[in-house]
Amino acid sequence: DIRKNVFIPKYYDPRIERKIKELSTTHLIRDIGSM
């Protein structure tokens, strides 16, 4: 699951992934790059 050789723990903050699941019922989640 390591991305782009980034080994900074905060980069993978698991709380963010949990929050995405919570928000997905009311919000569309899109990254700025794809937009």
Full PDB file with SEQRES, HELIX, SHEET, SSBOND, CRYST1, ORIGX, SCALE, CONECT and MASTER records, all heavy atoms in Angstrom:
SEQRES   1 A   35  ASP ILE ARG LYS ASN VAL PHE ILE PRO LYS TYR TYR ASP          
SEQRES   2 A   35  PRO ARG ILE GLU ARG LYS ILE LYS GLU LEU SER THR THR          
SEQRES   3 A   35  HIS LEU ILE ARG ASP ILE GLY SER MET                          
HELIX    1 AA1 PRO A    9  TYR A   12  5                                   4    
HELIX    2 AA2 PRO A   14  LEU A   23  1                                  10    
CRYST1    1.000    1.000    1.000  90.00  90.00  90.00 P 1           1          
ORIGX1      1.000000  0.000000  0.000000        0.00000                         
ORIGX2      0.000000  1.000000  0.000000        0.00000                         
ORIGX3      0.000000  0.000000  1.000000        0.00000                         
SCALE1      1.000000  0.000000  0.000000        0.00000                         
SCALE2      0.000000  1.000000  0.000000        0.00000                         
SCALE3      0.000000  0.000000  1.000000        0.00000                         
ATOM      1  N   ASP A   1       0.810  -1.222   0.000  1.00  0.00           N  
ATOM      2  CA  ASP A   1       0.000   0.000   0.000  1.00  0.00           C  
ATOM      3  C   ASP A   1       0.843   1.273   0.000  1.00  0.00           C  
ATOM      4  O   ASP A   1       0.297   2.378  -0.007  1.00  0.00           O  
ATOM      5  CB  ASP A   1      -0.920   0.014   1.226  1.00  0.00           C  
ATOM      6  CG  ASP A   1      -1.997  -1.063   1.144  1.00  0.00           C  
ATOM      7  OD1 ASP A   1      -2.406  -1.387   0.009  1.00  0.00           O  
ATOM      8  OD2 ASP A   1      -2.416  -1.572   2.198  1.00  0.00           O  
ATOM      9  N   ILE A   2       2.171   1.108   0.021  1.00  0.00           N  
ATOM     10  CA  ILE A   2       3.044   2.284  -0.029  1.00  0.00           C  
ATOM     11  C   ILE A   2       2.958   2.909  -1.415  1.00  0.00           C  
ATOM     12  O   ILE A   2       3.082   2.221  -2.429  1.00  0.00           O  
ATOM     13  CB  ILE A   2       4.511   1.901   0.285  1.00  0.00           C  
ATOM     14  CG1 ILE A   2       4.630   1.349   1.716  1.00  0.00           C  
ATOM     15  CG2 ILE A   2       5.446   3.092   0.097  1.00  0.00           C  
ATOM     16  CD1 ILE A   2       4.314   2.373   2.793  1.00  0.00           C  
ATOM     17  N   ARG A   3       2.736   4.224  -1.470  1.00  0.00           N  
ATOM     18  CA  ARG A   3       2.570   4.933  -2.735  1.00  0.00           C  
ATOM     19  C   ARG A   3       3.742   5.874  -2.990  1.00  0.00           C  
ATOM     20  O   ARG A   3       4.143   6.633  -2.104  1.00  0.00           O  
ATOM     21  CB  ARG A   3       1.256   5.726  -2.743  1.00  0.00           C  
ATOM     22  CG  ARG A   3       0.018   4.898  -2.471  1.00  0.00           C  
ATOM     23  CD  ARG A   3      -1.263   5.648  -2.833  1.00  0.00           C  
ATOM     24  NE  ARG A   3      -1.472   6.855  -2.053  1.00  0.00           N  
ATOM     25  CZ  ARG A   3      -2.154   6.898  -0.908  1.00  0.00           C  
ATOM     26  NH1 ARG A   3      -2.662   5.770  -0.388  1.00  0.00           N  
ATOM     27  NH2 ARG A   3      -2.331   8.040  -0.265  1.00  0.00           N  
ATOM     28  N   LYS A   4       4.275   5.832  -4.198  1.00  0.00           N  
ATOM     29  CA  LYS A   4       5.288   6.785  -4.662  1.00  0.00           C  
ATOM     30  C   LYS A   4       6.486   6.885  -3.719  1.00  0.00           C  
ATOM     31  O   LYS A   4       7.062   7.973  -3.554  1.00  0.00           O  
ATOM     32  CB  LYS A   4       4.652   8.169  -4.851  1.00  0.00           C  
ATOM     33  CG  LYS A   4       3.489   8.176  -5.831  1.00  0.00           C  
ATOM     34  CD  LYS A   4       2.838   9.539  -5.924  1.00  0.00           C  
ATOM     35  CE  LYS A   4       1.640   9.513  -6.849  1.00  0.00           C  
ATOM     36  NZ  LYS A   4       0.947  10.827  -6.914  1.00  0.00           N  
ATOM     37  N   ASN A   5       6.825   5.789  -3.064  1.00  0.00           N  
ATOM     38  CA  ASN A   5       7.965   5.764  -2.143  1.00  0.00           C  
ATOM     39  C   ASN A   5       7.835   6.780  -1.010  1.00  0.00           C  
ATOM     40  O   ASN A   5       8.841   7.311  -0.514  1.00  0.00           O  
ATOM     41  CB  ASN A   5       9.283   6.008  -2.887  1.00  0.00           C  
ATOM     42  CG  ASN A   5       9.695   4.811  -3.728  1.00  0.00           C  
ATOM     43  OD1 ASN A   5       9.520   3.662  -3.305  1.00  0.00           O  
ATOM     44  ND2 ASN A   5      10.222   5.068  -4.920  1.00  0.00           N  
ATOM     45  N   VAL A   6       6.600   7.063  -0.627  1.00  0.00           N  
ATOM     46  CA  VAL A   6       6.365   7.978   0.497  1.00  0.00           C  
ATOM     47  C   VAL A   6       6.285   7.148   1.774  1.00  0.00           C  
ATOM     48  O   VAL A   6       5.410   6.292   1.915  1.00  0.00           O  
ATOM     49  CB  VAL A   6       5.060   8.784   0.297  1.00  0.00           C  
ATOM     50  CG1 VAL A   6       4.798   9.660   1.522  1.00  0.00           C  
ATOM     51  CG2 VAL A   6       5.152   9.637  -0.968  1.00  0.00           C  
ATOM     52  N   PHE A   7       7.203   7.419   2.711  1.00  0.00           N  
ATOM     53  CA  PHE A   7       7.258   6.651   3.957  1.00  0.00           C  
ATOM     54  C   PHE A   7       6.966   7.531   5.179  1.00  0.00           C  
ATOM     55  O   PHE A   7       7.474   7.301   6.262  1.00  0.00           O  
ATOM     56  CB  PHE A   7       8.630   5.983   4.105  1.00  0.00           C  
ATOM     57  CG  PHE A   7       8.872   4.915   3.076  1.00  0.00           C  
ATOM     58  CD1 PHE A   7       9.502   5.221   1.879  1.00  0.00           C  
ATOM     59  CD2 PHE A   7       8.450   3.606   3.291  1.00  0.00           C  
ATOM     60  CE1 PHE A   7       9.715   4.244   0.912  1.00  0.00           C  
ATOM     61  CE2 PHE A   7       8.661   2.628   2.332  1.00  0.00           C  
ATOM     62  CZ  PHE A   7       9.292   2.941   1.133  1.00  0.00           C  
ATOM     63  N   ILE A   8       6.155   8.554   4.985  1.00  0.00           N  
ATOM     64  CA  ILE A   8       5.746   9.427   6.084  1.00  0.00           C  
ATOM     65  C   ILE A   8       4.430   8.883   6.642  1.00  0.00           C  
ATOM     66  O   ILE A   8       3.425   8.826   5.918  1.00  0.00           O  
ATOM     67  CB  ILE A   8       5.552  10.876   5.593  1.00  0.00           C  
ATOM     68  CG1 ILE A   8       6.850  11.392   4.963  1.00  0.00           C  
ATOM     69  CG2 ILE A   8       5.121  11.784   6.730  1.00  0.00           C  
ATOM     70  CD1 ILE A   8       6.706  12.748   4.295  1.00  0.00           C  
ATOM     71  N   PRO A   9       4.376   8.465   7.899  1.00  0.00           N  
ATOM     72  CA  PRO A   9       3.158   7.857   8.448  1.00  0.00           C  
ATOM     73  C   PRO A   9       1.895   8.696   8.259  1.00  0.00           C  
ATOM     74  O   PRO A   9       0.839   8.169   7.888  1.00  0.00           O  
ATOM     75  CB  PRO A   9       3.503   7.681   9.927  1.00  0.00           C  
ATOM     76  CG  PRO A   9       4.979   7.523   9.940  1.00  0.00           C  
ATOM     77  CD  PRO A   9       5.487   8.437   8.875  1.00  0.00           C  
ATOM     78  N   LYS A  10       1.987  10.016   8.492  1.00  0.00           N  
ATOM     79  CA  LYS A  10       0.780  10.841   8.427  1.00  0.00           C  
ATOM     80  C   LYS A  10       0.161  10.849   7.023  1.00  0.00           C  
ATOM     81  O   LYS A  10      -1.029  11.144   6.860  1.00  0.00           O  
ATOM     82  CB  LYS A  10       1.087  12.278   8.860  1.00  0.00           C  
ATOM     83  CG  LYS A  10       2.027  13.020   7.930  1.00  0.00           C  
ATOM     84  CD  LYS A  10       2.251  14.464   8.389  1.00  0.00           C  
ATOM     85  CE  LYS A  10       3.148  15.209   7.414  1.00  0.00           C  
ATOM     86  NZ  LYS A  10       3.348  16.616   7.793  1.00  0.00           N  
ATOM     87  N   TYR A  11       0.972  10.541   6.007  1.00  0.00           N  
ATOM     88  CA  TYR A  11       0.481  10.514   4.633  1.00  0.00           C  
ATOM     89  C   TYR A  11      -0.604   9.456   4.474  1.00  0.00           C  
ATOM     90  O   TYR A  11      -1.464   9.572   3.594  1.00  0.00           O  
ATOM     91  CB  TYR A  11       1.657  10.218   3.696  1.00  0.00           C  
ATOM     92  CG  TYR A  11       1.339  10.211   2.216  1.00  0.00           C  
ATOM     93  CD1 TYR A  11       1.238  11.401   1.505  1.00  0.00           C  
ATOM     94  CD2 TYR A  11       1.161   9.020   1.529  1.00  0.00           C  
ATOM     95  CE1 TYR A  11       0.968  11.396   0.134  1.00  0.00           C  
ATOM     96  CE2 TYR A  11       0.893   9.001   0.165  1.00  0.00           C  
ATOM     97  CZ  TYR A  11       0.797  10.194  -0.524  1.00  0.00           C  
ATOM     98  OH  TYR A  11       0.531  10.187  -1.878  1.00  0.00           O  
ATOM     99  N   TYR A  12      -0.584   8.439   5.328  1.00  0.00           N  
ATOM    100  CA  TYR A  12      -1.530   7.324   5.233  1.00  0.00           C  
ATOM    101  C   TYR A  12      -2.538   7.342   6.391  1.00  0.00           C  
ATOM    102  O   TYR A  12      -3.081   6.302   6.744  1.00  0.00           O  
ATOM    103  CB  TYR A  12      -0.764   5.997   5.227  1.00  0.00           C  
ATOM    104  CG  TYR A  12       0.246   5.894   4.107  1.00  0.00           C  
ATOM    105  CD1 TYR A  12       1.588   6.212   4.326  1.00  0.00           C  
ATOM    106  CD2 TYR A  12      -0.139   5.513   2.822  1.00  0.00           C  
ATOM    107  CE1 TYR A  12       2.518   6.128   3.307  1.00  0.00           C  
ATOM    108  CE2 TYR A  12       0.789   5.432   1.795  1.00  0.00           C  
ATOM    109  CZ  TYR A  12       2.116   5.744   2.029  1.00  0.00           C  
ATOM    110  OH  TYR A  12       3.031   5.662   1.013  1.00  0.00           O  
ATOM    111  N   ASP A  13      -2.760   8.495   6.948  1.00  0.00           N  
ATOM    112  CA  ASP A  13      -3.659   8.642   8.107  1.00  0.00           C  
ATOM    113  C   ASP A  13      -4.941   7.826   7.886  1.00  0.00           C  
ATOM    114  O   ASP A  13      -5.760   8.164   7.023  1.00  0.00           O  
ATOM    115  CB  ASP A  13      -3.997  10.119   8.296  1.00  0.00           C  
ATOM    116  CG  ASP A  13      -4.759  10.395   9.581  1.00  0.00           C  
ATOM    117  OD1 ASP A  13      -5.299   9.440  10.174  1.00  0.00           O  
ATOM    118  OD2 ASP A  13      -4.823  11.571   9.990  1.00  0.00           O  
ATOM    119  N   PRO A  14      -5.157   6.779   8.662  1.00  0.00           N  
ATOM    120  CA  PRO A  14      -6.327   5.915   8.435  1.00  0.00           C  
ATOM    121  C   PRO A  14      -7.656   6.597   8.734  1.00  0.00           C  
ATOM    122  O   PRO A  14      -8.698   6.173   8.235  1.00  0.00           O  
ATOM    123  CB  PRO A  14      -6.078   4.742   9.392  1.00  0.00           C  
ATOM    124  CG  PRO A  14      -5.193   5.305  10.455  1.00  0.00           C  
ATOM    125  CD  PRO A  14      -4.310   6.295   9.774  1.00  0.00           C  
ATOM    126  N   ARG A  15      -7.602   7.671   9.515  1.00  0.00           N  
ATOM    127  CA  ARG A  15      -8.846   8.383   9.832  1.00  0.00           C  
ATOM    128  C   ARG A  15      -9.451   9.027   8.596  1.00  0.00           C  
ATOM    129  O   ARG A  15     -10.673   9.170   8.483  1.00  0.00           O  
ATOM    130  CB  ARG A  15      -8.583   9.436  10.916  1.00  0.00           C  
ATOM    131  CG  ARG A  15      -8.186   8.854  12.270  1.00  0.00           C  
ATOM    132  CD  ARG A  15      -7.758   9.931  13.240  1.00  0.00           C  
ATOM    133  NE  ARG A  15      -6.584  10.658  12.751  1.00  0.00           N  
ATOM    134  CZ  ARG A  15      -5.973  11.625  13.449  1.00  0.00           C  
ATOM    135  NH1 ARG A  15      -6.432  11.969  14.645  1.00  0.00           N  
ATOM    136  NH2 ARG A  15      -4.922  12.240  12.947  1.00  0.00           N  
ATOM    137  N   ILE A  16      -8.591   9.419   7.666  1.00  0.00           N  
ATOM    138  CA  ILE A  16      -9.090  10.032   6.432  1.00  0.00           C  
ATOM    139  C   ILE A  16      -9.872   9.021   5.607  1.00  0.00           C  
ATOM    140  O   ILE A  16     -10.953   9.326   5.075  1.00  0.00           O  
ATOM    141  CB  ILE A  16      -7.920  10.632   5.625  1.00  0.00           C  
ATOM    142  CG1 ILE A  16      -7.330  11.828   6.378  1.00  0.00           C  
ATOM    143  CG2 ILE A  16      -8.376  11.051   4.224  1.00  0.00           C  
ATOM    144  CD1 ILE A  16      -6.085  12.417   5.750  1.00  0.00           C  
ATOM    145  N   GLU A  17      -9.347   7.800   5.501  1.00  0.00           N  
ATOM    146  CA  GLU A  17     -10.046   6.757   4.739  1.00  0.00           C  
ATOM    147  C   GLU A  17     -11.379   6.413   5.397  1.00  0.00           C  
ATOM    148  O   GLU A  17     -12.391   6.198   4.708  1.00  0.00           O  
ATOM    149  CB  GLU A  17      -9.175   5.503   4.642  1.00  0.00           C  
ATOM    150  CG  GLU A  17      -7.881   5.709   3.863  1.00  0.00           C  
ATOM    151  CD  GLU A  17      -8.123   6.202   2.446  1.00  0.00           C  
ATOM    152  OE1 GLU A  17      -9.121   5.769   1.815  1.00  0.00           O  
ATOM    153  OE2 GLU A  17      -7.317   7.011   1.946  1.00  0.00           O  
ATOM    154  N   ARG A  18     -11.390   6.371   6.724  1.00  0.00           N  
ATOM    155  CA  ARG A  18     -12.662   6.096   7.429  1.00  0.00           C  
ATOM    156  C   ARG A  18     -13.662   7.212   7.178  1.00  0.00           C  
ATOM    157  O   ARG A  18     -14.864   6.965   7.001  1.00  0.00           O  
ATOM    158  CB  ARG A  18     -12.406   5.929   8.926  1.00  0.00           C  
ATOM    159  CG  ARG A  18     -11.652   4.648   9.294  1.00  0.00           C  
ATOM    160  CD  ARG A  18     -11.798   4.328  10.765  1.00  0.00           C  
ATOM    161  NE  ARG A  18     -11.157   5.322  11.605  1.00  0.00           N  
ATOM    162  CZ  ARG A  18      -9.900   5.217  12.054  1.00  0.00           C  
ATOM    163  NH1 ARG A  18      -9.154   4.170  11.711  1.00  0.00           N  
ATOM    164  NH2 ARG A  18      -9.384   6.146  12.828  1.00  0.00           N  
ATOM    165  N   LYS A  19     -13.170   8.428   7.154  1.00  0.00           N  
ATOM    166  CA  LYS A  19     -14.070   9.574   6.933  1.00  0.00           C  
ATOM    167  C   LYS A  19     -14.639   9.563   5.520  1.00  0.00           C  
ATOM    168  O   LYS A  19     -15.810   9.928   5.311  1.00  0.00           O  
ATOM    169  CB  LYS A  19     -13.318  10.890   7.184  1.00  0.00           C  
ATOM    170  CG  LYS A  19     -14.227  12.093   7.283  1.00  0.00           C  
ATOM    171  CD  LYS A  19     -15.168  11.964   8.473  1.00  0.00           C  
ATOM    172  CE  LYS A  19     -16.206  13.057   8.497  1.00  0.00           C  
ATOM    173  NZ  LYS A  19     -17.142  12.928   9.619  1.00  0.00           N  
ATOM    174  N   ILE A  20     -13.851   9.129   4.550  1.00  0.00           N  
ATOM    175  CA  ILE A  20     -14.345   9.043   3.177  1.00  0.00           C  
ATOM    176  C   ILE A  20     -15.541   8.096   3.103  1.00  0.00           C  
ATOM    177  O   ILE A  20     -16.536   8.385   2.422  1.00  0.00           O  
ATOM    178  CB  ILE A  20     -13.222   8.589   2.225  1.00  0.00           C  
ATOM    179  CG1 ILE A  20     -12.210   9.720   2.031  1.00  0.00           C  
ATOM    180  CG2 ILE A  20     -13.775   8.138   0.882  1.00  0.00           C  
ATOM    181  CD1 ILE A  20     -10.991   9.343   1.221  1.00  0.00           C  
ATOM    182  N   LYS A  21     -15.452   6.983   3.802  1.00  0.00           N  
ATOM    183  CA  LYS A  21     -16.568   6.025   3.819  1.00  0.00           C  
ATOM    184  C   LYS A  21     -17.806   6.648   4.449  1.00  0.00           C  
ATOM    185  O   LYS A  21     -18.935   6.436   3.986  1.00  0.00           O  
ATOM    186  CB  LYS A  21     -16.157   4.761   4.582  1.00  0.00           C  
ATOM    187  CG  LYS A  21     -15.102   3.930   3.849  1.00  0.00           C  
ATOM    188  CD  LYS A  21     -14.729   2.695   4.653  1.00  0.00           C  
ATOM    189  CE  LYS A  21     -13.658   1.875   3.929  1.00  0.00           C  
ATOM    190  NZ  LYS A  21     -13.245   0.680   4.707  1.00  0.00           N  
ATOM    191  N   GLU A  22     -17.605   7.424   5.511  1.00  0.00           N  
ATOM    192  CA  GLU A  22     -18.743   8.075   6.176  1.00  0.00           C  
ATOM    193  C   GLU A  22     -19.395   9.106   5.256  1.00  0.00           C  
ATOM    194  O   GLU A  22     -20.618   9.205   5.173  1.00  0.00           O  
ATOM    195  CB  GLU A  22     -18.271   8.780   7.451  1.00  0.00           C  
ATOM    196  CG  GLU A  22     -17.859   7.855   8.580  1.00  0.00           C  
ATOM    197  CD  GLU A  22     -17.379   8.650   9.783  1.00  0.00           C  
ATOM    198  OE1 GLU A  22     -17.786   9.823   9.927  1.00  0.00           O  
ATOM    199  OE2 GLU A  22     -16.568   8.115  10.568  1.00  0.00           O  
ATOM    200  N   LEU A  23     -18.564   9.877   4.570  1.00  0.00           N  
ATOM    201  CA  LEU A  23     -19.079  10.976   3.746  1.00  0.00           C  
ATOM    202  C   LEU A  23     -19.689  10.501   2.430  1.00  0.00           C  
ATOM    203  O   LEU A  23     -20.485  11.225   1.818  1.00  0.00           O  
ATOM    204  CB  LEU A  23     -17.953  11.968   3.432  1.00  0.00           C  
ATOM    205  CG  LEU A  23     -17.440  12.835   4.596  1.00  0.00           C  
ATOM    206  CD1 LEU A  23     -16.186  13.589   4.178  1.00  0.00           C  
ATOM    207  CD2 LEU A  23     -18.525  13.827   5.033  1.00  0.00           C  
ATOM    208  N   SER A  24     -19.326   9.313   1.983  1.00  0.00           N  
ATOM    209  CA  SER A  24     -19.732   8.862   0.645  1.00  0.00           C  
ATOM    210  C   SER A  24     -21.236   8.727   0.473  1.00  0.00           C  
ATOM    211  O   SER A  24     -21.727   8.709  -0.660  1.00  0.00           O  
ATOM    212  CB  SER A  24     -19.053   7.528   0.312  1.00  0.00           C  
ATOM    213  OG  SER A  24     -19.436   6.536   1.253  1.00  0.00           O  
ATOM    214  N   THR A  25     -21.984   8.654   1.567  1.00  0.00           N  
ATOM    215  CA  THR A  25     -23.441   8.557   1.436  1.00  0.00           C  
ATOM    216  C   THR A  25     -24.070   9.902   1.071  1.00  0.00           C  
ATOM    217  O   THR A  25     -25.108   9.948   0.414  1.00  0.00           O  
ATOM    218  CB  THR A  25     -24.064   8.048   2.754  1.00  0.00           C  
ATOM    219  OG1 THR A  25     -23.693   8.929   3.813  1.00  0.00           O  
ATOM    220  CG2 THR A  25     -23.591   6.638   3.065  1.00  0.00           C  
ATOM    221  N   THR A  26     -23.432  10.988   1.516  1.00  0.00           N  
ATOM    222  CA  THR A  26     -23.988  12.325   1.268  1.00  0.00           C  
ATOM    223  C   THR A  26     -23.149  13.164   0.307  1.00  0.00           C  
ATOM    224  O   THR A  26     -23.620  14.177  -0.206  1.00  0.00           O  
ATOM    225  CB  THR A  26     -24.117  13.097   2.592  1.00  0.00           C  
ATOM    226  OG1 THR A  26     -22.833  13.106   3.244  1.00  0.00           O  
ATOM    227  CG2 THR A  26     -25.151  12.449   3.501  1.00  0.00           C  
ATOM    228  N   HIS A  27     -21.898  12.759   0.084  1.00  0.00           N  
ATOM    229  CA  HIS A  27     -20.988  13.535  -0.748  1.00  0.00           C  
ATOM    230  C   HIS A  27     -20.368  12.665  -1.839  1.00  0.00           C  
ATOM    231  O   HIS A  27     -20.104  11.487  -1.624  1.00  0.00           O  
ATOM    232  CB  HIS A  27     -19.850  14.129   0.088  1.00  0.00           C  
ATOM    233  CG  HIS A  27     -20.282  15.132   1.119  1.00  0.00           C  
ATOM    234  ND1 HIS A  27     -20.981  14.771   2.250  1.00  0.00           N  
ATOM    235  CD2 HIS A  27     -20.085  16.471   1.193  1.00  0.00           C  
ATOM    236  CE1 HIS A  27     -21.203  15.852   2.984  1.00  0.00           C  
ATOM    237  NE2 HIS A  27     -20.680  16.892   2.360  1.00  0.00           N  
ATOM    238  N   LEU A  28     -20.127  13.283  -2.980  1.00  0.00           N  
ATOM    239  CA  LEU A  28     -19.331  12.668  -4.033  1.00  0.00           C  
ATOM    240  C   LEU A  28     -17.875  13.028  -3.740  1.00  0.00           C  
ATOM    241  O   LEU A  28     -17.547  14.205  -3.558  1.00  0.00           O  
ATOM    242  CB  LEU A  28     -19.740  13.213  -5.403  1.00  0.00           C  
ATOM    243  CG  LEU A  28     -18.929  12.739  -6.610  1.00  0.00           C  
ATOM    244  CD1 LEU A  28     -19.132  11.246  -6.823  1.00  0.00           C  
ATOM    245  CD2 LEU A  28     -19.332  13.525  -7.851  1.00  0.00           C  
ATOM    246  N   ILE A  29     -17.003  12.044  -3.635  1.00  0.00           N  
ATOM    247  CA  ILE A  29     -15.599  12.297  -3.313  1.00  0.00           C  
ATOM    248  C   ILE A  29     -14.768  12.249  -4.586  1.00  0.00           C  
ATOM    249  O   ILE A  29     -14.692  11.211  -5.252  1.00  0.00           O  
ATOM    250  CB  ILE A  29     -15.064  11.255  -2.301  1.00  0.00           C  
ATOM    251  CG1 ILE A  29     -16.000  11.146  -1.085  1.00  0.00           C  
ATOM    252  CG2 ILE A  29     -13.651  11.616  -1.873  1.00  0.00           C  
ATOM    253  CD1 ILE A  29     -16.135  12.418  -0.289  1.00  0.00           C  
ATOM    254  N   ARG A  30     -14.175  13.379  -4.949  1.00  0.00           N  
ATOM    255  CA  ARG A  30     -13.351  13.447  -6.157  1.00  0.00           C  
ATOM    256  C   ARG A  30     -12.025  14.122  -5.834  1.00  0.00           C  
ATOM    257  O   ARG A  30     -11.988  15.129  -5.122  1.00  0.00           O  
ATOM    258  CB  ARG A  30     -14.056  14.241  -7.258  1.00  0.00           C  
ATOM    259  CG  ARG A  30     -15.313  13.567  -7.793  1.00  0.00           C  
ATOM    260  CD  ARG A  30     -15.776  14.221  -9.083  1.00  0.00           C  
ATOM    261  NE  ARG A  30     -14.797  14.061 -10.159  1.00  0.00           N  
ATOM    262  CZ  ARG A  30     -15.002  14.509 -11.408  1.00  0.00           C  
ATOM    263  NH1 ARG A  30     -16.143  15.132 -11.707  1.00  0.00           N  
ATOM    264  NH2 ARG A  30     -14.079  14.334 -12.343  1.00  0.00           N  
ATOM    265  N   ASP A  31     -10.932  13.567  -6.363  1.00  0.00           N  
ATOM    266  CA  ASP A  31      -9.633  14.203  -6.141  1.00  0.00           C  
ATOM    267  C   ASP A  31      -9.435  15.334  -7.139  1.00  0.00           C  
ATOM    268  O   ASP A  31      -9.985  15.314  -8.252  1.00  0.00           O  
ATOM    269  CB  ASP A  31      -8.492  13.185  -6.230  1.00  0.00           C  
ATOM    270  CG  ASP A  31      -8.365  12.564  -7.613  1.00  0.00           C  
ATOM    271  OD1 ASP A  31      -7.749  13.197  -8.482  1.00  0.00           O  
ATOM    272  OD2 ASP A  31      -8.903  11.444  -7.803  1.00  0.00           O  
ATOM    273  N   ILE A  32      -8.667  16.329  -6.730  1.00  0.00           N  
ATOM    274  CA  ILE A  32      -8.465  17.517  -7.556  1.00  0.00           C  
ATOM    275  C   ILE A  32      -7.808  17.163  -8.886  1.00  0.00           C  
ATOM    276  O   ILE A  32      -8.142  17.745  -9.934  1.00  0.00           O  
ATOM    277  CB  ILE A  32      -7.635  18.568  -6.785  1.00  0.00           C  
ATOM    278  CG1 ILE A  32      -8.481  19.143  -5.635  1.00  0.00           C  
ATOM    279  CG2 ILE A  32      -7.164  19.692  -7.702  1.00  0.00           C  
ATOM    280  CD1 ILE A  32      -7.755  20.156  -4.766  1.00  0.00           C  
ATOM    281  N   GLY A  33      -6.911  16.188  -8.875  1.00  0.00           N  
ATOM    282  CA  GLY A  33      -6.240  15.785 -10.108  1.00  0.00           C  
ATOM    283  C   GLY A  33      -7.209  15.330 -11.176  1.00  0.00           C  
ATOM    284  O   GLY A  33      -7.118  15.746 -12.350  1.00  0.00           O  
ATOM    285  N   SER A  34      -8.161  14.473 -10.812  1.00  0.00           N  
ATOM    286  CA  SER A  34      -9.132  13.982 -11.796  1.00  0.00           C  
ATOM    287  C   SER A  34     -10.058  15.099 -12.262  1.00  0.00           C  
ATOM    288  O   SER A  34     -10.501  15.109 -13.412  1.00  0.00           O  
ATOM    289  CB  SER A  34      -9.947  12.826 -11.208  1.00  0.00           C  
ATOM    290  OG  SER A  34     -10.799  13.277 -10.160  1.00  0.00           O  
ATOM    291  N   MET A  35     -10.347  16.048 -11.367  1.00  0.00           N  
ATOM    292  CA  MET A  35     -11.187  17.182 -11.752  1.00  0.00           C  
ATOM    293  C   MET A  35     -10.453  18.073 -12.749  1.00  0.00           C  
ATOM    294  O   MET A  35     -11.063  18.621 -13.669  1.00  0.00           O  
ATOM    295  CB  MET A  35     -11.590  17.974 -10.505  1.00  0.00           C  
ATOM    296  CG  MET A  35     -12.507  17.186  -9.555  1.00  0.00           C  
ATOM    297  SD  MET A  35     -12.810  18.037  -7.994  1.00  0.00           S  
ATOM    298  CE  MET A  35     -13.864  19.385  -8.518  1.00  0.00           C  
TER     299      MET A  35                                                      
MASTER        0    0    0    2    0    0    0    6  298    1    0    3          
END                                                                             
